[in-house]
């Protein structure tokens, strides 16, 4: 029997709806495998602004720091869009990542066999796709300074800064090399090193450590070429490393399209410097992480019991695998999702002719039942 503390931050919009299904699955894992999960809720984003007057209350930070892992729903609420950027709902999640030392984001892109016909791609193109997108989270243009928008006598001006330091790049790349070594041994690095000095730094740092990983082959590619290859031959990828440019977000969402929907795509955001002491195998065994679906808060769907909870449930599986080192439990959750899809159940975003459409609660119930079947 294991005992774990999970911080649960439902967030905004559809966040509470999908998180409630993730919580049901966590409780189902506890019942089936005889674990005890202490689930402690906190406030983040618009919900925190509404109840605490700030997007990231101190008690939420303390809650997350004391937990073994964090489950997040979605953050963002148009009611607070008038606020300055540091005070908006979305800023709470960025600040939380910084407070928790999150710098590695993994998004598994794996096509479920029963969804091959519901994507924009030909089934033969995406059949067997199974790769990981790895994104650096704490550097680059998202966090670089100076930044700003201001008025001048000649009109408005704006600036954003891309900034990286060698130790920061090396620490991230070593984690990614370890991930690739534990998979098929193929690492793609998407960088714009023909025009960006920061990308040249990435290539130089990568070249300095590649000899330490003889099992891993490295391909360098420009982001636009990478985008084309993700369309032409997504099955050719194993681990794809991205710096924290805006193009990384675009390529990540292209991965969601390969899976069939944003509602199918999970995310693990981790701080490999912090270990939970749970043991396990690999560079990310027992690592502290924040787990969330990649979709947004989708306020227009709030309260409609419509959206797909599978991305959140898959995020739970990632949490079980990485932060808690519960490998059999993670596989059981993924198997339960496969059973639900095999039996023909679909939410609106992955609906196909001849399938049975269900809502958020319905899909959560079906996956939970499949999990408890054993």
Protein backbone atom coordinates (compact mmCIF):
# COMPACT_ATOMS: atom_id res chain seq x y z
CA UNK A 1 0.00 0.00 0.00
CA UNK A 2 1.25 3.44 -0.93
CA UNK A 3 0.27 6.77 0.55
CA UNK A 4 0.47 9.96 -1.51
CA UNK A 5 -0.56 13.61 -1.32
CA UNK A 6 -1.88 15.20 -4.51
CA UNK A 7 -2.57 18.93 -4.87
CA UNK A 8 -5.65 19.41 -7.05
CA UNK A 9 -6.14 22.79 -8.77
CA UNK A 10 -9.36 22.65 -10.85
CA UNK A 11 -8.86 26.17 -12.24
CA UNK A 12 -11.32 27.87 -14.57
CA UNK A 13 -13.90 27.15 -17.25
CA UNK A 14 -14.07 23.44 -18.03
CA UNK A 15 -11.18 22.77 -15.65
CA UNK A 16 -13.32 21.65 -12.69
CA UNK A 17 -15.36 19.35 -14.98
CA UNK A 18 -12.38 17.44 -16.38
CA UNK A 19 -10.47 17.43 -13.10
CA UNK A 20 -13.43 15.83 -11.34
CA UNK A 21 -13.10 12.89 -13.76
CA UNK A 22 -9.37 12.70 -13.13
CA UNK A 23 -10.03 12.61 -9.40
CA UNK A 24 -12.52 9.75 -9.88
CA UNK A 25 -9.84 7.77 -11.68
CA UNK A 26 -7.26 8.49 -8.96
CA UNK A 27 -9.73 7.21 -6.39
CA UNK A 28 -10.39 4.18 -8.60
CA UNK A 29 -6.67 3.43 -8.70
CA UNK A 30 -6.60 3.66 -4.93
CA UNK A 31 -9.48 1.21 -4.62
CA UNK A 32 -8.10 -1.30 -7.12
CA UNK A 33 -4.45 -1.24 -6.03
CA UNK A 34 -4.92 -0.51 -2.32
CA UNK A 35 -3.28 2.93 -2.28
CA UNK A 36 -4.27 5.92 -0.21
CA UNK A 37 -4.41 9.27 -1.98
CA UNK A 38 -4.82 12.48 -0.01
CA UNK A 39 -6.42 14.90 -2.49
CA UNK A 40 -6.17 18.54 -1.39
CA UNK A 41 -7.81 21.27 -3.47
CA UNK A 42 -6.42 24.74 -4.04
CA UNK A 43 -7.17 27.87 -6.04
CA UNK A 44 -5.43 29.04 -9.21
CA UNK A 45 -6.18 31.48 -12.01
CA UNK A 46 -9.55 33.20 -12.33
CA UNK A 47 -11.02 31.16 -9.50
CA UNK A 48 -8.26 32.45 -7.23
CA UNK A 49 -8.80 36.05 -8.36
CA UNK A 50 -12.49 35.74 -7.59
CA UNK A 51 -12.03 34.24 -4.12
CA UNK A 52 -8.64 35.57 -3.00
CA UNK A 53 -8.08 38.64 -5.13
CA UNK A 54 -4.91 37.30 -6.75
CA UNK A 55 -4.15 34.72 -9.42
CA UNK A 56 -1.75 32.65 -7.29
CA UNK A 57 -2.42 32.80 -3.53
CA UNK A 58 0.48 31.94 -1.18
CA UNK A 59 -1.48 29.03 0.28
CA UNK A 60 -1.64 27.42 -3.17
CA UNK A 61 2.14 27.59 -3.48
CA UNK A 62 2.53 26.05 -0.02
CA UNK A 63 0.02 23.31 -0.89
CA UNK A 64 1.88 22.37 -4.07
CA UNK A 65 5.27 22.39 -2.39
CA UNK A 66 4.02 19.96 0.26
CA UNK A 67 2.48 17.55 -2.28
CA UNK A 68 4.00 14.63 -4.17
CA UNK A 69 2.46 15.93 -7.41
CA UNK A 70 0.01 18.52 -8.71
CA UNK A 71 -3.03 18.00 -10.96
CA UNK A 72 -4.26 21.12 -12.80
CA UNK A 73 -7.42 21.53 -14.86
CA UNK A 74 -7.26 24.64 -17.05
CA UNK A 75 -6.52 28.29 -16.36
CA UNK A 76 -7.98 31.33 -18.07
CA UNK A 77 -11.10 33.45 -17.67
CA UNK A 78 -12.17 36.31 -20.00
CA UNK A 79 -13.67 38.14 -17.03
CA UNK A 80 -10.13 39.08 -15.99
CA UNK A 81 -8.68 39.92 -19.41
CA UNK A 82 -8.78 43.64 -18.60
CA UNK A 83 -6.11 43.22 -15.93
CA UNK A 84 -2.40 43.86 -16.62
CA UNK A 85 -0.61 40.72 -17.90
CA UNK A 86 1.04 39.82 -14.54
CA UNK A 87 -2.39 39.84 -12.87
CA UNK A 88 -4.39 37.88 -15.46
CA UNK A 89 -5.67 34.40 -14.71
CA UNK A 90 -3.11 32.72 -16.99
CA UNK A 91 -0.22 34.40 -15.18
CA UNK A 92 -0.96 32.29 -12.10
CA UNK A 93 0.08 29.09 -13.85
CA UNK A 94 3.29 30.65 -15.20
CA UNK A 95 4.15 31.91 -11.72
CA UNK A 96 3.38 28.53 -10.17
CA UNK A 97 5.76 26.81 -12.57
CA UNK A 98 8.47 29.26 -11.58
CA UNK A 99 7.82 28.77 -7.87
CA UNK A 100 8.01 24.97 -8.28
CA UNK A 101 11.14 25.03 -10.43
CA UNK A 102 9.43 23.41 -13.41
CA UNK A 103 11.70 23.37 -16.47
CA UNK A 104 10.89 20.19 -18.43
CA UNK A 105 7.59 19.65 -20.25
CA UNK A 106 6.83 16.26 -21.82
CA UNK A 107 3.86 15.70 -24.13
CA UNK A 108 3.44 12.11 -25.27
CA UNK A 109 1.97 11.88 -28.78
CA UNK A 110 0.61 8.37 -29.19
CA UNK A 111 -2.23 7.54 -31.56
CA UNK A 112 -4.87 5.19 -30.20
CA UNK A 113 -5.64 2.51 -32.83
CA UNK A 114 -9.39 3.10 -32.54
CA UNK A 115 -8.99 6.80 -33.37
CA UNK A 116 -6.98 6.46 -36.58
CA UNK A 117 -10.01 7.50 -38.66
CA UNK A 118 -10.96 10.59 -36.67
CA UNK A 119 -7.91 12.75 -37.34
CA UNK A 120 -7.15 15.00 -40.35
CA UNK A 121 -4.42 12.51 -41.35
CA UNK A 122 -4.61 9.38 -43.49
CA UNK A 123 -4.66 6.34 -41.19
CA UNK A 124 -1.54 4.90 -42.83
CA UNK A 125 0.36 8.11 -42.01
CA UNK A 126 -0.36 8.12 -38.27
CA UNK A 127 -0.54 4.37 -37.64
CA UNK A 128 1.97 3.44 -34.95
CA UNK A 129 2.85 7.03 -34.05
CA UNK A 130 4.44 7.09 -30.60
CA UNK A 131 6.80 9.95 -29.74
CA UNK A 132 7.40 12.55 -27.03
CA UNK A 133 7.64 16.32 -27.38
CA UNK A 134 10.02 17.78 -24.79
CA UNK A 135 9.94 21.54 -24.21
CA UNK A 136 12.19 23.68 -22.04
CA UNK A 137 9.95 25.74 -19.77
CA UNK A 138 11.90 28.39 -17.87
CA UNK A 139 13.93 30.27 -20.47
CA UNK A 140 13.51 31.72 -23.93
CA UNK A 141 11.19 34.44 -25.10
CA UNK A 142 8.43 33.53 -22.64
CA UNK A 143 10.55 34.60 -19.66
CA UNK A 144 13.25 36.79 -21.21
CA UNK A 145 13.73 40.42 -20.18
CA UNK A 146 13.59 43.23 -21.16
CA UNK A 147 10.08 42.97 -22.49
CA UNK A 148 7.26 45.47 -22.84
CA UNK A 149 4.88 47.55 -24.91
CA UNK A 150 5.02 51.35 -24.77
CA UNK A 151 3.98 54.52 -26.55
CA UNK A 152 6.47 56.80 -28.29
CA UNK A 153 6.15 60.01 -30.35
CA UNK A 154 6.31 57.83 -33.46
CA UNK A 155 3.76 55.31 -32.29
CA UNK A 156 3.74 52.19 -30.17
CA UNK A 157 6.79 49.97 -29.79
CA UNK A 158 7.27 46.54 -28.28
CA UNK A 159 10.17 44.27 -27.37
CA UNK A 160 10.62 40.67 -26.27
CA UNK A 161 13.94 39.02 -25.46
CA UNK A 162 15.14 35.47 -26.07
CA UNK A 163 17.66 34.58 -23.40
CA UNK A 164 19.45 31.34 -22.48
CA UNK A 165 22.51 30.40 -20.41
CA UNK A 166 24.66 27.33 -21.07
CA UNK A 167 23.95 25.57 -17.74
CA UNK A 168 20.21 25.99 -18.31
CA UNK A 169 20.37 24.45 -21.79
CA UNK A 170 22.68 21.65 -20.71
CA UNK A 171 20.52 20.64 -17.75
CA UNK A 172 17.45 20.37 -19.97
CA UNK A 173 19.23 18.53 -22.79
CA UNK A 174 20.71 15.95 -20.41
CA UNK A 175 17.20 15.08 -19.24
CA UNK A 176 16.02 14.80 -22.85
CA UNK A 177 18.98 12.61 -23.84
CA UNK A 178 18.13 10.28 -20.95
CA UNK A 179 14.51 10.11 -22.11
CA UNK A 180 15.66 9.28 -25.65
CA UNK A 181 18.08 6.64 -24.36
CA UNK A 182 15.21 4.94 -22.57
CA UNK A 183 13.11 4.88 -25.76
CA UNK A 184 14.25 4.24 -29.34
CA UNK A 185 17.39 6.34 -29.11
CA UNK A 186 16.47 9.03 -31.62
CA UNK A 187 16.50 12.71 -30.64
CA UNK A 188 15.32 15.53 -32.89
CA UNK A 189 16.34 19.06 -31.92
CA UNK A 190 14.23 21.80 -33.56
CA UNK A 191 16.20 25.07 -33.46
CA UNK A 192 16.59 28.13 -35.71
CA UNK A 193 20.39 28.19 -35.56
CA UNK A 194 20.80 29.77 -38.98
CA UNK A 195 19.61 33.16 -37.68
CA UNK A 196 19.37 33.02 -33.86
CA UNK A 197 22.40 33.12 -31.59
CA UNK A 198 20.40 31.45 -28.82
CA UNK A 199 19.76 28.51 -31.14
CA UNK A 200 23.47 28.41 -31.98
CA UNK A 201 24.12 28.08 -28.25
CA UNK A 202 21.70 25.14 -28.11
CA UNK A 203 23.50 23.39 -30.94
CA UNK A 204 26.93 23.99 -29.40
CA UNK A 205 25.82 22.67 -26.00
CA UNK A 206 24.20 19.63 -27.63
CA UNK A 207 27.36 18.91 -29.61
CA UNK A 208 29.35 19.07 -26.37
CA UNK A 209 27.40 16.29 -24.67
CA UNK A 210 26.28 14.03 -27.54
CA UNK A 211 29.39 11.82 -27.26
CA UNK A 212 28.29 10.86 -23.74
CA UNK A 213 25.21 9.22 -25.25
CA UNK A 214 26.44 6.87 -28.01
CA UNK A 215 23.06 5.08 -27.98
CA UNK A 216 21.29 8.27 -29.13
CA UNK A 217 21.36 9.68 -32.66
CA UNK A 218 20.64 13.40 -33.05
CA UNK A 219 18.98 15.18 -35.95
CA UNK A 220 19.03 18.99 -36.06
CA UNK A 221 16.16 20.66 -37.92
CA UNK A 222 14.63 24.07 -38.35
CA UNK A 223 11.17 24.46 -36.78
CA UNK A 224 9.48 24.93 -40.19
CA UNK A 225 11.06 21.73 -41.51
CA UNK A 226 10.03 20.00 -38.31
CA UNK A 227 6.44 21.14 -38.83
CA UNK A 228 6.48 19.71 -42.36
CA UNK A 229 7.89 16.37 -41.18
CA UNK A 230 5.26 16.15 -38.44
CA UNK A 231 2.69 16.20 -41.24
CA UNK A 232 4.53 14.00 -43.71
CA UNK A 233 6.00 11.35 -41.42
CA UNK A 234 5.02 11.70 -37.75
CA UNK A 235 5.93 8.05 -37.13
CA UNK A 236 9.56 8.98 -37.81
CA UNK A 237 9.86 10.87 -34.52
CA UNK A 238 10.93 9.44 -31.16
CA UNK A 239 11.86 12.37 -28.88
CA UNK A 240 11.53 15.92 -30.18
CA UNK A 241 13.29 18.63 -28.15
CA UNK A 242 12.10 22.24 -28.35
CA UNK A 243 13.30 25.45 -26.78
CA UNK A 244 10.81 27.89 -25.30
CA UNK A 245 9.95 29.85 -28.43
CA UNK A 246 6.40 30.53 -29.56
CA UNK A 247 6.92 27.96 -32.34
CA UNK A 248 7.18 25.28 -29.66
CA UNK A 249 3.56 25.90 -28.69
CA UNK A 250 2.52 25.63 -32.33
CA UNK A 251 4.39 22.34 -32.84
CA UNK A 252 2.93 20.97 -29.61
CA UNK A 253 -0.59 21.65 -30.85
CA UNK A 254 0.28 20.00 -34.15
CA UNK A 255 0.99 16.93 -32.06
CA UNK A 256 -2.51 17.20 -30.61
CA UNK A 257 -3.93 17.17 -34.15
CA UNK A 258 -2.05 13.94 -34.83
CA UNK A 259 -3.80 12.36 -31.83
CA UNK A 260 -7.18 13.58 -33.05
CA UNK A 261 -8.03 16.30 -30.54
CA UNK A 262 -6.68 18.63 -27.89
CA UNK A 263 -8.95 16.64 -25.60
CA UNK A 264 -6.70 13.59 -26.06
CA UNK A 265 -3.35 15.21 -25.25
CA UNK A 266 -1.79 15.04 -21.80
CA UNK A 267 1.14 16.95 -20.37
CA UNK A 268 3.77 16.43 -17.67
CA UNK A 269 5.67 19.48 -16.41
CA UNK A 270 8.51 18.48 -14.13
CA UNK A 271 11.34 19.60 -11.90
CA UNK A 272 13.92 16.79 -12.10
CA UNK A 273 15.93 18.42 -9.31
CA UNK A 274 13.22 17.45 -6.83
CA UNK A 275 12.53 13.79 -6.06
CA UNK A 276 9.67 12.37 -4.05
CA UNK A 277 11.66 9.42 -2.76
CA UNK A 278 9.28 6.95 -4.41
CA UNK A 279 12.10 5.21 -6.27
CA UNK A 280 11.57 3.63 -9.66
CA UNK A 281 13.43 3.45 -12.95
CA UNK A 282 14.91 6.12 -15.19
CA UNK A 283 15.95 9.76 -14.98
CA UNK A 284 12.40 10.89 -14.23
CA UNK A 285 11.53 8.27 -11.63
CA UNK A 286 9.92 9.86 -8.59
CA UNK A 287 10.37 13.36 -10.00
CA UNK A 288 8.10 16.16 -8.82
CA UNK A 289 5.63 17.24 -11.48
CA UNK A 290 2.62 19.28 -12.43
CA UNK A 291 0.17 17.43 -14.67
CA UNK A 292 -2.46 19.00 -16.87
CA UNK A 293 -4.35 18.55 -20.15
CA UNK A 294 -3.04 20.75 -22.95
CA UNK A 295 -6.41 22.28 -23.82
CA UNK A 296 -7.48 25.63 -22.43
CA UNK A 297 -10.34 26.57 -20.16
CA UNK A 298 -12.82 26.73 -23.10
CA UNK A 299 -15.32 28.97 -21.25
CA UNK A 300 -17.97 28.60 -23.98
CA UNK A 301 -18.34 24.93 -23.00
CA UNK A 302 -18.44 25.47 -19.25
CA UNK A 303 -21.20 23.55 -17.50
CA UNK A 304 -22.36 21.71 -20.64
CA UNK A 305 -21.00 18.27 -19.68
CA UNK A 306 -19.58 18.09 -23.18
CA UNK A 307 -15.79 18.23 -23.24
CA UNK A 308 -13.39 15.32 -23.41
CA UNK A 309 -11.82 14.34 -20.05
CA UNK A 310 -9.38 11.82 -21.54
CA UNK A 311 -6.48 14.31 -21.70
CA UNK A 312 -6.86 14.88 -17.96
CA UNK A 313 -7.11 11.14 -17.26
CA UNK A 314 -4.00 10.53 -19.37
CA UNK A 315 -2.29 13.26 -17.34
CA UNK A 316 -3.19 11.26 -14.24
CA UNK A 317 -1.48 8.25 -15.83
CA UNK A 318 1.65 10.35 -16.39
CA UNK A 319 1.54 11.43 -12.75
CA UNK A 320 1.31 7.82 -11.61
CA UNK A 321 4.22 6.83 -13.84
CA UNK A 322 6.65 9.68 -13.20
CA UNK A 323 6.03 11.29 -9.82
CA UNK A 324 4.65 8.27 -7.97
CA UNK A 325 6.55 5.45 -9.76
CA UNK A 326 3.32 3.43 -9.99
CA UNK A 327 3.94 1.80 -13.36
CA UNK A 328 1.31 -0.95 -13.32
CA UNK A 329 -1.27 1.56 -12.15
CA UNK A 330 -0.41 3.96 -15.00
CA UNK A 331 -0.72 1.16 -17.54
CA UNK A 332 -4.07 0.14 -16.05
CA UNK A 333 -5.42 3.68 -16.56
CA UNK A 334 -4.19 3.79 -20.16
CA UNK A 335 -5.66 0.34 -20.80
CA UNK A 336 -9.01 1.50 -19.41
CA UNK A 337 -9.05 4.39 -21.89
CA UNK A 338 -8.26 2.02 -24.74
CA UNK A 339 -11.15 -0.23 -23.65
CA UNK A 340 -13.55 2.72 -23.58
CA UNK A 341 -12.56 3.70 -27.12
CA UNK A 342 -12.62 0.12 -28.36
CA UNK A 343 -16.19 -0.23 -27.09
CA UNK A 344 -17.19 2.70 -29.27
CA UNK A 345 -17.66 5.53 -26.76
CA UNK A 346 -16.73 9.02 -27.94
CA UNK A 347 -17.03 12.61 -26.79
CA UNK A 348 -18.08 15.19 -29.38
CA UNK A 349 -14.53 16.11 -30.45
CA UNK A 350 -13.62 12.57 -31.52
CA UNK A 351 -17.09 11.47 -32.58
CA UNK A 352 -17.37 9.17 -35.62
CA UNK A 353 -20.29 7.65 -37.44
CA UNK A 354 -21.54 4.51 -35.78
CA UNK A 355 -20.09 5.38 -32.36
CA UNK A 356 -21.95 6.30 -29.18
CA UNK A 357 -21.51 9.88 -28.06
CA UNK A 358 -21.20 10.57 -24.34
CA UNK A 359 -20.47 13.64 -22.24
CA UNK A 360 -17.72 14.47 -19.80
CA UNK A 361 -19.27 12.56 -16.92
CA UNK A 362 -20.22 9.64 -19.16
CA UNK A 363 -16.71 9.15 -20.50
CA UNK A 364 -15.26 9.42 -17.01
CA UNK A 365 -17.68 6.78 -15.74
CA UNK A 366 -16.90 4.43 -18.63
CA UNK A 367 -13.13 4.72 -18.12
CA UNK A 368 -13.52 4.23 -14.37
CA UNK A 369 -15.64 1.12 -14.87
CA UNK A 370 -13.06 -0.32 -17.26
CA UNK A 371 -10.32 0.44 -14.73
CA UNK A 372 -12.15 -1.34 -11.92
CA UNK A 373 -12.76 -4.40 -14.10
CA UNK A 374 -9.10 -5.24 -13.72
